[in-house]
Amino acid sequence: MTSEHSTTADGAPGATISPSAAGGRGSRLGPRPVVVLCLLIAAFSLLPLGFVVVATANAGWDTVVKLVFRPRVGELLFNTLSLVLITVPLCVVLGIGGAWLVERTRLAGHKAWAVLLAAPLAIPAFVNSYAWVSAIPSLGGIFGGVLISVLSYFPLVYIPVAAVLSRLDPALEQSAASLGLGPWRVFYRVVLPQLRLAAAGGALLVALHLLAEYGAFAMIAFDTFTTAIYDQYRSTFNGAAANMLASVLVLFCLLLLVAESKSRGSARYARVGAGVQSNPTRLALGMWQLPGQLALVALTVLAFGVPLWHVGRWLLAGGSEIWVRDDLLTALLQTLGYGLAGAALTTVLAFPLAYLVVRHPGPFSKVLEAVNYISSSMPGIVVALALVTITVHNVPAIYQTSVVLVAAYALLFMPRALVNLRAGLAQVPRELDEAAQALGKPPFIAFLRVTLRLSAPAAAGGAALVFLGIVNELTATLLLAPNGTRTLATAFWSLSSEIDYMGAAPYALLMIVLSAPMTYLLFVQSKKAAGQ
């Protein structure tokens, strides 16, 4: 059997790997079948971006100027930028503050608070909006948008920051304290800079969710680019105005990705040196114990208690009759069906790329991974418009079928599976695969029995997170679902749009029930990544 030597990203010699380790001949970039699969997946991922580029080019410069540089776009630009510029910093402050109280202070009940601060992620933003409109019918404008967004998305910052805080080596903090710095100065000068990567990543997720969200803002009549694109699509179907708004929205997404990448900097965050990392010393809160508890109670009540209270109130008001709707079971089964199908397809598509990134790192695999993240960062409305246009003009036989809808889910949520698979594969020593081959197992069988088997828990975790995204997805489902399809999200949206809040309550509750275990899984995985 021939073999070739792999190289690391800096050109150093690596381990000897069989060229057929994944079932095919090898190349410098990786096993050829895996490389081909990754290229096909990357091409698939680029469909939404390609749609935007082609739509802009076909419109012509005069049309672009006419449709982009007009007062309506200026209004949408002001609303969207205001929403992002106010919401993201608030989420960062709440996320870092909550994580620091839970992980670094002697907060009473800190283990319970650790879970409760992640819990609001189980409530879809449009369900949160439904609850707050029930409480304050006049809620709207930038205040309403910021309120709902902050309460829905601050856990996206809290979870990764808490994971980083729990595994930070306290040696630097102890050294700073020994030089005379007080607790607050140690936090600002030593701890906070080490949270930059996690906080920037969480802030990026919050911003992308704000650009993609439709239901939460449509319910309070707050216009953003996404709500305007959907309205244009309904009135003109794939008109030039909707396409130009989509182009501006995609440009925002790309600018956010670039800004987040620049914010990482080139500083080192890894601990260097021998020895065992000590456990951090929790700070005594003293007289701040009660204010800290009250602040967390207020945040949890607003973000989690208010939605649950109003869902429960509408359930009680509707009585048993609202549970005997003909389509309630249908919506639940279709949601489960699409969730499982989308999670399975997305995980399968993410596996070759994760394998290439982990086993054959280098510029080629990094580019393919970046392509996937860029495409998947686009809002669901843009992905849906792209697939509608492509299927109508090129493959009308599959237009508005389940195939297209599941494909949209794969485009939107592949990073969730990819991140988990990448971490799982990194923990599987390639030497085990080679040992199985040395014992006479064919390369593909060795791969199935060793690598695939050991990475199965990570694959299951990624699939669970994809399932969570699909359960709560609204915009792409509204545009792409076949006639007669009724998921929990679309059924909830249909009823709540008709001001039938009692009828919508069971669907809201079922979405929360389905989302809660997946949210807890995300929290547990963050703790495992921190070595806890």
Protein backbone atom coordinates (compact mmCIF):
# COMPACT_ATOMS: atom_id res chain seq x y z
CA MET A 1 0.00 0.00 0.00
CA THR A 2 1.41 3.39 -0.95
CA SER A 3 1.33 6.27 1.44
CA GLU A 4 2.03 9.95 1.55
CA HIS A 5 3.08 12.31 4.34
CA SER A 6 0.62 14.94 5.43
CA THR A 7 1.81 18.41 6.29
CA THR A 8 0.55 20.87 8.83
CA ALA A 9 -0.57 24.36 7.91
CA ASP A 10 2.99 25.66 8.31
CA GLY A 11 4.54 22.97 6.13
CA ALA A 12 5.95 20.77 8.89
CA PRO A 13 5.84 17.01 8.31
CA GLY A 14 2.89 15.28 9.92
CA ALA A 15 1.79 11.70 10.43
CA THR A 16 1.84 9.12 7.67
CA ILE A 17 -1.66 8.66 6.29
CA SER A 18 -3.04 6.16 3.89
CA PRO A 19 -4.16 7.91 0.70
CA SER A 20 -7.28 5.81 0.69
CA ALA A 21 -8.15 6.36 4.33
CA ALA A 22 -11.57 7.70 3.41
CA GLY A 23 -12.28 5.20 0.73
CA GLY A 24 -10.48 6.74 -2.25
CA ARG A 25 -7.12 7.85 -3.64
CA GLY A 26 -5.41 10.68 -1.87
CA SER A 27 -4.08 14.04 -2.94
CA ARG A 28 -2.18 16.87 -1.30
CA LEU A 29 -5.50 18.49 -0.39
CA GLY A 30 -7.05 15.32 1.03
CA PRO A 31 -8.75 12.13 -0.21
CA ARG A 32 -10.11 12.90 -3.67
CA PRO A 33 -13.69 11.69 -3.06
CA VAL A 34 -13.87 13.88 0.06
CA VAL A 35 -12.42 16.88 -1.82
CA VAL A 36 -14.95 16.45 -4.64
CA LEU A 37 -17.82 16.21 -2.15
CA CYS A 38 -16.64 19.33 -0.34
CA LEU A 39 -16.41 21.27 -3.60
CA LEU A 40 -19.96 20.24 -4.51
CA ILE A 41 -21.21 21.25 -1.05
CA ALA A 42 -19.42 24.60 -1.34
CA ALA A 43 -21.03 25.19 -4.73
CA PHE A 44 -24.41 24.39 -3.18
CA SER A 45 -23.68 26.80 -0.31
CA LEU A 46 -22.86 29.60 -2.76
CA LEU A 47 -26.30 29.51 -4.43
CA PRO A 48 -27.80 32.35 -2.32
CA LEU A 49 -24.77 34.60 -2.81
CA GLY A 50 -24.75 33.81 -6.52
CA PHE A 51 -28.44 34.70 -6.73
CA VAL A 52 -27.82 38.11 -5.17
CA VAL A 53 -24.87 38.85 -7.46
CA VAL A 54 -26.74 37.79 -10.62
CA ALA A 55 -29.92 39.66 -9.62
CA THR A 56 -27.94 42.84 -9.01
CA ALA A 57 -26.02 42.49 -12.29
CA ASN A 58 -29.17 41.79 -14.31
CA ALA A 59 -30.97 44.80 -12.87
CA GLY A 60 -28.43 47.19 -14.34
CA TRP A 61 -26.77 50.16 -12.70
CA ASP A 62 -29.62 52.60 -13.36
CA THR A 63 -32.16 50.30 -11.72
CA VAL A 64 -29.85 49.62 -8.79
CA VAL A 65 -29.41 53.35 -8.16
CA LYS A 66 -33.15 53.99 -8.51
CA LEU A 67 -34.18 51.22 -6.12
CA VAL A 68 -31.38 51.45 -3.55
CA PHE A 69 -30.93 55.22 -3.22
CA ARG A 70 -34.48 56.16 -2.26
CA PRO A 71 -36.14 57.40 0.96
CA ARG A 72 -37.70 54.02 1.79
CA VAL A 73 -34.30 52.33 1.84
CA GLY A 74 -32.98 55.15 4.00
CA GLU A 75 -35.77 54.54 6.51
CA LEU A 76 -35.07 50.80 6.56
CA LEU A 77 -31.35 51.49 6.89
CA PHE A 78 -31.92 53.78 9.88
CA ASN A 79 -34.22 51.25 11.60
CA THR A 80 -31.91 48.29 11.01
CA LEU A 81 -28.71 50.09 12.00
CA SER A 82 -30.34 51.56 15.10
CA LEU A 83 -31.58 48.12 16.10
CA VAL A 84 -28.14 46.55 15.69
CA LEU A 85 -26.17 49.40 17.29
CA ILE A 86 -28.40 49.46 20.39
CA THR A 87 -29.20 45.77 20.82
CA VAL A 88 -25.76 44.23 20.32
CA PRO A 89 -23.96 46.28 23.04
CA LEU A 90 -26.82 45.61 25.49
CA CYS A 91 -26.61 41.87 24.79
CA VAL A 92 -22.83 41.96 25.29
CA VAL A 93 -23.18 43.77 28.63
CA LEU A 94 -25.90 41.42 29.89
CA GLY A 95 -24.09 38.32 28.59
CA ILE A 96 -20.73 39.21 30.13
CA GLY A 97 -22.27 40.50 33.36
CA GLY A 98 -24.43 37.42 33.84
CA ALA A 99 -21.55 35.06 33.00
CA TRP A 100 -19.21 36.82 35.43
CA LEU A 101 -21.74 36.65 38.27
CA VAL A 102 -22.38 32.94 37.65
CA GLU A 103 -18.80 31.80 37.05
CA ARG A 104 -16.61 34.12 39.12
CA THR A 105 -18.56 35.22 42.22
CA ARG A 106 -20.04 33.54 45.27
CA LEU A 107 -23.51 34.11 43.93
CA ALA A 108 -26.06 32.10 45.88
CA GLY A 109 -27.56 29.41 43.64
CA HIS A 110 -25.05 30.06 40.84
CA LYS A 111 -25.58 26.57 39.35
CA ALA A 112 -29.32 27.19 38.97
CA TRP A 113 -28.71 30.67 37.56
CA ALA A 114 -26.28 29.21 35.01
CA VAL A 115 -29.14 27.24 33.46
CA LEU A 116 -31.82 29.91 33.87
CA LEU A 117 -29.79 32.53 31.99
CA ALA A 118 -29.54 30.18 29.01
CA ALA A 119 -33.24 29.23 29.12
CA PRO A 120 -34.63 32.23 27.11
CA LEU A 121 -32.95 30.78 24.02
CA ALA A 122 -35.67 28.09 24.01
CA ILE A 123 -38.32 30.73 23.24
CA PRO A 124 -38.46 31.84 19.59
CA ALA A 125 -38.20 35.61 19.15
CA PHE A 126 -41.61 35.79 17.45
CA VAL A 127 -43.18 33.97 20.43
CA ASN A 128 -41.49 36.49 22.71
CA SER A 129 -42.99 39.27 20.60
CA TYR A 130 -46.42 37.61 20.81
CA ALA A 131 -46.16 37.55 24.62
CA TRP A 132 -45.08 41.17 24.93
CA VAL A 133 -47.79 42.35 22.53
CA SER A 134 -50.24 40.47 24.75
CA ALA A 135 -48.88 42.39 27.74
CA ILE A 136 -48.50 45.77 25.99
CA PRO A 137 -50.71 45.94 22.86
CA SER A 138 -49.26 49.33 21.86
CA LEU A 139 -45.67 48.05 21.90
CA GLY A 140 -43.75 48.99 18.76
CA GLY A 141 -41.03 51.14 17.27
CA ILE A 142 -37.35 50.95 18.05
CA PHE A 143 -38.02 50.53 21.78
CA GLY A 144 -40.17 47.45 21.19
CA GLY A 145 -37.69 45.99 18.72
CA VAL A 146 -34.76 46.45 21.11
CA LEU A 147 -36.69 45.10 24.11
CA ILE A 148 -37.73 41.89 22.36
CA SER A 149 -34.34 41.43 20.68
CA VAL A 150 -32.29 41.84 23.85
CA LEU A 151 -34.50 39.47 25.85
CA SER A 152 -34.42 36.88 23.06
CA TYR A 153 -30.74 36.97 22.08
CA PHE A 154 -28.55 37.89 25.08
CA PRO A 155 -27.99 34.14 25.81
CA LEU A 156 -26.06 33.96 22.51
CA VAL A 157 -23.38 36.04 24.24
CA TYR A 158 -23.84 34.63 27.74
CA ILE A 159 -23.29 30.95 26.82
CA PRO A 160 -19.88 31.25 25.09
CA VAL A 161 -18.59 33.87 27.55
CA ALA A 162 -19.57 31.70 30.54
CA ALA A 163 -17.75 28.75 28.95
CA VAL A 164 -14.57 30.81 28.51
CA LEU A 165 -14.73 32.27 32.03
CA SER A 166 -15.06 28.80 33.54
CA ARG A 167 -11.81 27.61 31.92
CA LEU A 168 -9.63 30.72 32.14
CA ASP A 169 -6.41 30.08 34.08
CA PRO A 170 -6.53 32.43 37.09
CA ALA A 171 -2.72 32.72 37.25
CA LEU A 172 -2.73 36.04 35.38
CA GLU A 173 -5.42 37.42 37.66
CA GLN A 174 -3.49 36.34 40.74
CA SER A 175 -0.34 37.98 39.38
CA ALA A 176 -2.21 41.21 38.70
CA ALA A 177 -3.74 41.17 42.18
CA SER A 178 -0.29 40.62 43.72
CA LEU A 179 0.87 43.80 41.97
CA GLY A 180 -1.79 45.79 43.81
CA LEU A 181 -4.67 45.85 41.32
CA GLY A 182 -8.15 45.71 42.85
CA PRO A 183 -10.86 43.23 41.71
CA TRP A 184 -12.47 45.66 39.25
CA ARG A 185 -9.17 46.69 37.68
CA VAL A 186 -8.17 43.02 37.39
CA PHE A 187 -11.43 42.33 35.59
CA TYR A 188 -11.07 45.21 33.12
CA ARG A 189 -7.34 44.83 32.45
CA VAL A 190 -6.89 41.03 32.62
CA VAL A 191 -10.17 39.11 32.36
CA LEU A 192 -12.13 41.24 29.89
CA PRO A 193 -9.48 41.17 27.12
CA GLN A 194 -9.49 37.35 27.28
CA LEU A 195 -13.24 37.33 26.65
CA ARG A 196 -12.93 39.24 23.38
CA LEU A 197 -13.18 36.24 21.06
CA ALA A 198 -16.23 34.75 22.78
CA ALA A 199 -17.98 38.11 23.14
CA ALA A 200 -17.27 39.07 19.52
CA GLY A 201 -18.55 35.72 18.28
CA GLY A 202 -21.71 36.04 20.34
CA ALA A 203 -22.21 39.63 19.20
CA LEU A 204 -21.91 38.50 15.57
CA LEU A 205 -24.60 35.86 16.12
CA VAL A 206 -26.89 38.45 17.70
CA ALA A 207 -26.38 40.87 14.82
CA LEU A 208 -27.03 38.19 12.18
CA HIS A 209 -30.19 37.12 13.99
CA LEU A 210 -31.37 40.74 14.01
CA LEU A 211 -30.85 41.03 10.26
CA ALA A 212 -32.66 37.74 9.63
CA GLU A 213 -35.59 38.08 12.03
CA TYR A 214 -39.00 38.64 10.49
CA GLY A 215 -41.81 37.47 12.75
CA ALA A 216 -40.82 39.32 15.92
CA PHE A 217 -40.62 42.69 14.16
CA ALA A 218 -43.60 42.19 11.85
CA MET A 219 -45.78 41.53 14.90
CA ILE A 220 -44.94 44.93 16.39
CA ALA A 221 -45.01 46.69 12.98
CA PHE A 222 -41.34 47.64 13.16
CA ASP A 223 -39.94 47.76 9.62
CA THR A 224 -36.51 46.30 8.88
CA PHE A 225 -34.94 45.08 5.65
CA THR A 226 -36.26 41.56 6.23
CA THR A 227 -39.86 42.62 6.81
CA ALA A 228 -39.70 44.92 3.77
CA ILE A 229 -38.28 42.17 1.54
CA TYR A 230 -41.07 39.80 2.59
CA ASP A 231 -43.72 42.44 1.90
CA GLN A 232 -42.22 43.16 -1.52
CA TYR A 233 -42.10 39.46 -2.32
CA ARG A 234 -45.77 39.01 -1.45
CA SER A 235 -46.81 41.96 -3.62
CA THR A 236 -44.56 41.53 -6.67
CA PHE A 237 -43.09 37.97 -6.42
CA ASN A 238 -39.36 38.11 -7.00
CA GLY A 239 -39.54 41.74 -8.15
CA ALA A 240 -36.49 43.92 -8.63
CA ALA A 241 -37.25 45.92 -5.46
CA ALA A 242 -37.12 42.80 -3.27
CA ASN A 243 -33.91 41.67 -4.96
CA MET A 244 -32.20 45.03 -4.40
CA LEU A 245 -33.21 45.08 -0.74
CA ALA A 246 -31.81 41.56 -0.46
CA SER A 247 -28.54 42.79 -1.97
CA VAL A 248 -28.22 45.51 0.64
CA LEU A 249 -29.04 43.02 3.41
CA VAL A 250 -26.39 40.57 2.18
CA LEU A 251 -23.86 43.41 2.07
CA PHE A 252 -24.61 44.10 5.74
CA CYS A 253 -24.04 40.44 6.59
CA LEU A 254 -20.68 40.40 4.81
CA LEU A 255 -19.60 43.61 6.55
CA LEU A 256 -20.50 42.08 9.92
CA LEU A 257 -18.44 38.98 9.15
CA VAL A 258 -15.45 41.13 8.20
CA ALA A 259 -15.82 43.28 11.32
CA GLU A 260 -15.98 40.21 13.56
CA SER A 261 -12.91 38.74 11.88
CA LYS A 262 -10.96 41.98 12.38
CA SER A 263 -12.01 42.17 16.03
CA ARG A 264 -10.27 38.88 16.79
CA GLY A 265 -6.86 40.50 16.39
CA SER A 266 -3.63 38.51 16.54
CA ALA A 267 -3.21 38.15 20.29
CA ARG A 268 -2.55 34.74 21.81
CA TYR A 269 -5.17 33.37 24.18
CA ALA A 270 -3.74 29.94 24.88
CA ARG A 271 -1.99 29.15 28.14
CA VAL A 272 1.73 28.47 27.68
CA GLY A 273 3.84 26.54 30.15
CA ALA A 274 3.80 23.44 32.29
CA GLY A 275 1.75 22.76 35.34
CA VAL A 276 -1.85 22.17 36.27
CA GLN A 277 -4.36 24.96 35.90
CA SER A 278 -5.80 26.01 39.25
CA ASN A 279 -9.42 26.73 39.92
CA PRO A 280 -10.41 30.40 39.94
CA THR A 281 -11.19 32.04 43.25
CA ARG A 282 -14.80 33.20 43.49
CA LEU A 283 -15.20 36.76 44.69
CA ALA A 284 -17.41 37.47 47.68
CA LEU A 285 -20.30 39.75 46.74
CA GLY A 286 -20.97 40.99 50.24
CA MET A 287 -23.46 43.85 50.14
CA TRP A 288 -23.85 43.29 46.36
CA GLN A 289 -25.37 39.82 46.83
CA LEU A 290 -28.95 41.11 47.05
CA PRO A 291 -28.69 43.58 44.10
CA GLY A 292 -27.08 40.81 42.01
CA GLN A 293 -29.89 38.40 42.82
CA LEU A 294 -32.56 41.01 42.10
CA ALA A 295 -30.97 41.90 38.75
CA LEU A 296 -30.91 38.26 37.65
CA VAL A 297 -34.47 37.72 38.85
CA ALA A 298 -35.64 40.75 36.86
CA LEU A 299 -33.79 39.61 33.71
CA THR A 300 -35.11 36.05 33.96
CA VAL A 301 -38.69 37.18 34.61
CA LEU A 302 -38.63 39.54 31.62
CA ALA A 303 -36.94 37.11 29.23
CA PHE A 304 -38.49 33.82 30.32
CA GLY A 305 -41.28 34.46 32.79
CA VAL A 306 -43.30 36.93 30.71
CA PRO A 307 -43.52 34.66 27.62
CA LEU A 308 -44.44 31.61 29.70
CA TRP A 309 -46.98 33.58 31.71
CA HIS A 310 -48.83 34.91 28.67
CA VAL A 311 -48.72 31.60 26.80
CA GLY A 312 -50.22 30.01 29.91
CA ARG A 313 -52.79 32.80 30.25
CA TRP A 314 -54.01 32.31 26.69
CA LEU A 315 -54.09 28.54 27.19
CA LEU A 316 -56.30 28.91 30.27
CA ALA A 317 -58.52 31.43 28.51
CA GLY A 318 -59.01 29.11 25.54
CA GLY A 319 -59.82 26.06 27.64
CA SER A 320 -59.72 22.52 26.32
CA GLU A 321 -61.28 23.49 22.97
CA ILE A 322 -58.04 24.97 21.62
CA TRP A 323 -56.31 21.59 21.99
CA VAL A 324 -58.74 19.77 19.69
CA ARG A 325 -57.90 21.64 16.49
CA ASP A 326 -57.65 19.34 13.52
CA ASP A 327 -54.27 20.62 12.42
CA LEU A 328 -52.48 20.70 15.81
CA LEU A 329 -51.26 17.11 15.57
CA THR A 330 -50.52 17.59 11.87
CA ALA A 331 -48.39 20.65 12.61
CA LEU A 332 -46.50 18.79 15.32
CA LEU A 333 -45.84 15.77 13.10
CA GLN A 334 -44.79 17.90 10.12
CA THR A 335 -42.46 19.93 12.33
CA LEU A 336 -40.89 16.74 13.68
CA GLY A 337 -40.63 15.32 10.16
CA TYR A 338 -38.98 18.38 8.66
CA GLY A 339 -36.79 18.79 11.72
CA LEU A 340 -35.49 15.23 11.58
CA ALA A 341 -35.04 15.25 7.79
CA GLY A 342 -33.28 18.61 7.82
CA ALA A 343 -31.06 17.65 10.75
CA ALA A 344 -30.05 14.37 9.07
CA LEU A 345 -29.29 15.98 5.69
CA THR A 346 -27.38 18.89 7.22
CA THR A 347 -25.23 16.61 9.37
CA VAL A 348 -24.43 14.34 6.42
CA LEU A 349 -23.44 17.32 4.26
CA ALA A 350 -21.31 18.84 7.03
CA PHE A 351 -19.35 15.64 7.71
CA PRO A 352 -17.02 15.66 4.63
CA LEU A 353 -16.06 19.29 5.24
CA ALA A 354 -15.46 18.70 8.95
CA TYR A 355 -13.31 15.68 8.07
CA LEU A 356 -11.25 17.73 5.60
CA VAL A 357 -10.79 20.62 8.03
CA VAL A 358 -9.61 18.37 10.87
CA ARG A 359 -7.61 15.70 9.03
CA HIS A 360 -6.20 17.86 6.21
CA PRO A 361 -5.90 21.42 7.56
CA GLY A 362 -4.61 24.05 5.21
CA PRO A 363 -5.62 27.05 3.09
CA PHE A 364 -7.89 24.94 0.86
CA SER A 365 -9.99 23.53 3.69
CA LYS A 366 -10.12 26.94 5.39
CA VAL A 367 -11.49 28.56 2.24
CA LEU A 368 -14.17 25.89 1.90
CA GLU A 369 -15.14 26.35 5.55
CA ALA A 370 -15.29 30.14 5.14
CA VAL A 371 -17.54 29.76 2.08
CA ASN A 372 -19.96 27.74 4.17
CA TYR A 373 -20.06 30.28 6.99
CA ILE A 374 -20.54 33.23 4.64
CA SER A 375 -23.42 31.59 2.80
CA SER A 376 -25.11 30.32 5.95
CA SER A 377 -24.95 33.76 7.56
CA MET A 378 -27.47 35.08 5.04
CA PRO A 379 -31.03 35.62 6.29
CA GLY A 380 -33.64 32.99 5.57
CA ILE A 381 -35.55 35.41 3.35
CA VAL A 382 -32.55 35.69 0.98
CA VAL A 383 -31.99 31.93 0.91
CA ALA A 384 -35.68 31.39 0.18
CA LEU A 385 -35.73 33.98 -2.63
CA ALA A 386 -32.65 32.36 -4.18
CA LEU A 387 -34.18 28.88 -4.15
CA VAL A 388 -37.51 30.16 -5.46
CA THR A 389 -35.81 31.87 -8.40
CA ILE A 390 -33.53 28.92 -9.20
CA THR A 391 -36.26 26.31 -9.06
CA VAL A 392 -38.82 28.36 -11.00
CA HIS A 393 -36.44 29.04 -13.88
CA ASN A 394 -34.32 25.88 -13.94
CA VAL A 395 -36.05 22.97 -12.17
CA PRO A 396 -39.76 23.81 -11.94
CA ALA A 397 -40.59 20.19 -11.15
CA ILE A 398 -39.27 20.63 -7.59
CA TYR A 399 -40.56 24.18 -7.03
CA GLN A 400 -42.40 24.46 -3.70
CA THR A 401 -41.68 20.87 -2.70
CA SER A 402 -40.29 19.38 0.49
CA VAL A 403 -36.96 18.82 -1.25
CA VAL A 404 -36.39 22.56 -1.66
CA LEU A 405 -37.50 23.35 1.88
CA VAL A 406 -35.14 20.77 3.43
CA ALA A 407 -32.34 22.08 1.18
CA ALA A 408 -32.98 25.58 2.56
CA TYR A 409 -32.69 24.25 6.11
CA ALA A 410 -29.34 22.68 5.21
CA LEU A 411 -28.07 26.00 3.80
CA LEU A 412 -29.21 27.94 6.86
CA PHE A 413 -28.04 25.64 9.63
CA MET A 414 -24.97 23.76 8.36
CA PRO A 415 -22.53 25.68 10.63
CA ARG A 416 -24.34 24.31 13.68
CA ALA A 417 -23.53 20.77 12.59
CA LEU A 418 -20.08 21.67 11.26
CA VAL A 419 -18.84 23.19 14.53
CA ASN A 420 -19.86 20.14 16.54
CA LEU A 421 -18.50 17.64 14.03
CA ARG A 422 -15.20 19.50 13.80
CA ALA A 423 -14.78 19.33 17.57
CA GLY A 424 -15.76 15.66 17.69
CA LEU A 425 -13.45 14.58 14.88
CA ALA A 426 -10.55 16.48 16.45
CA GLN A 427 -10.84 14.20 19.48
CA VAL A 428 -10.62 10.99 17.41
CA PRO A 429 -6.93 10.00 16.96
CA ARG A 430 -6.22 9.13 13.34
CA GLU A 431 -3.85 6.44 14.61
CA LEU A 432 -6.87 4.35 15.63
CA ASP A 433 -8.09 4.37 12.04
CA GLU A 434 -4.65 3.36 10.79
CA ALA A 435 -4.43 0.61 13.42
CA ALA A 436 -7.73 -0.86 12.21
CA GLN A 437 -6.36 -0.91 8.65
CA ALA A 438 -3.17 -2.57 9.85
CA LEU A 439 -5.34 -5.33 11.35
CA GLY A 440 -6.78 -6.05 7.90
CA LYS A 441 -9.89 -3.86 7.78
CA PRO A 442 -10.54 -2.12 4.44
CA PRO A 443 -10.10 1.65 4.68
CA PHE A 444 -13.79 2.46 4.34
CA ILE A 445 -14.80 -0.18 6.93
CA ALA A 446 -12.13 1.09 9.29
CA PHE A 447 -13.49 4.61 8.84
CA LEU A 448 -17.04 3.49 9.60
CA ARG A 449 -16.14 1.39 12.64
CA VAL A 450 -13.63 3.78 14.21
CA THR A 451 -13.82 7.42 13.11
CA LEU A 452 -17.54 7.55 12.41
CA ARG A 453 -18.43 5.62 15.53
CA LEU A 454 -16.30 7.75 17.87
CA SER A 455 -17.57 11.00 16.35
CA ALA A 456 -21.22 9.92 16.56
CA PRO A 457 -21.94 11.82 19.83
CA ALA A 458 -20.68 15.06 18.28
CA ALA A 459 -22.77 14.39 15.17
CA ALA A 460 -25.84 13.82 17.35
CA GLY A 461 -25.19 17.09 19.19
CA GLY A 462 -24.87 19.00 15.92
CA ALA A 463 -28.03 17.39 14.57
CA ALA A 464 -29.90 18.39 17.73
CA LEU A 465 -28.89 22.03 17.31
CA VAL A 466 -29.96 21.97 13.66
CA PHE A 467 -33.29 20.49 14.76
CA LEU A 468 -33.70 23.39 17.21
CA GLY A 469 -33.15 25.89 14.40
CA ILE A 470 -35.65 24.18 12.10
CA VAL A 471 -38.37 24.02 14.76
CA ASN A 472 -38.14 27.80 15.23
CA GLU A 473 -37.58 28.75 11.56
CA LEU A 474 -40.34 30.89 10.08
CA THR A 475 -39.38 33.01 7.07
CA ALA A 476 -37.96 30.39 4.70
CA THR A 477 -40.74 27.99 5.67
CA LEU A 478 -43.42 30.56 4.83
CA LEU A 479 -41.95 31.10 1.36
CA LEU A 480 -40.89 27.56 0.43
CA ALA A 481 -43.28 25.17 2.17
CA PRO A 482 -45.47 23.06 -0.18
CA ASN A 483 -49.17 23.82 -0.30
CA GLY A 484 -50.88 22.29 2.70
CA THR A 485 -47.76 22.30 4.86
CA ARG A 486 -48.40 23.55 8.37
CA THR A 487 -45.53 23.50 10.84
CA LEU A 488 -45.81 24.72 14.41
CA ALA A 489 -44.11 27.99 13.46
CA THR A 490 -46.26 28.72 10.40
CA ALA A 491 -49.48 27.67 12.15
CA PHE A 492 -48.61 29.89 15.11
CA TRP A 493 -47.83 32.77 12.75
CA SER A 494 -51.07 32.35 10.81
CA LEU A 495 -53.22 32.40 13.94
CA SER A 496 -51.36 35.18 15.74
CA SER A 497 -51.51 37.35 12.60
CA GLU A 498 -55.29 36.99 12.78
CA ILE A 499 -55.15 38.14 16.44
CA ASP A 500 -56.30 34.66 17.50
CA TYR A 501 -53.92 34.59 20.45
CA MET A 502 -55.80 31.80 22.22
CA GLY A 503 -55.62 29.57 19.16
CA ALA A 504 -51.90 30.31 18.72
CA ALA A 505 -50.99 29.46 22.33
CA PRO A 506 -50.79 25.63 21.95
CA TYR A 507 -48.41 25.97 19.02
CA ALA A 508 -46.23 28.38 21.02
CA LEU A 509 -46.11 25.97 23.95
CA LEU A 510 -45.19 23.01 21.75
CA MET A 511 -42.34 24.98 20.15
CA ILE A 512 -40.99 25.84 23.59
CA VAL A 513 -41.28 22.23 24.75
CA LEU A 514 -39.42 20.98 21.68
CA SER A 515 -36.75 23.68 21.99
CA ALA A 516 -36.02 23.37 25.72
CA PRO A 517 -34.04 20.06 25.59
CA MET A 518 -31.95 21.32 22.66
CA THR A 519 -31.18 24.57 24.50
CA TYR A 520 -30.06 22.58 27.54
CA LEU A 521 -27.90 20.42 25.26
CA LEU A 522 -26.23 23.57 23.90
CA PHE A 523 -25.53 24.71 27.46
CA VAL A 524 -24.10 21.32 28.46
CA GLN A 525 -21.90 21.19 25.36
CA SER A 526 -20.45 24.59 26.19
CA LYS A 527 -19.54 23.28 29.64
CA LYS A 528 -17.95 20.14 28.18
CA ALA A 529 -15.88 22.29 25.87
CA ALA A 530 -14.68 24.08 28.99
CA GLY A 531 -13.62 20.78 30.53
CA GLN A 532 -16.39 20.62 33.13
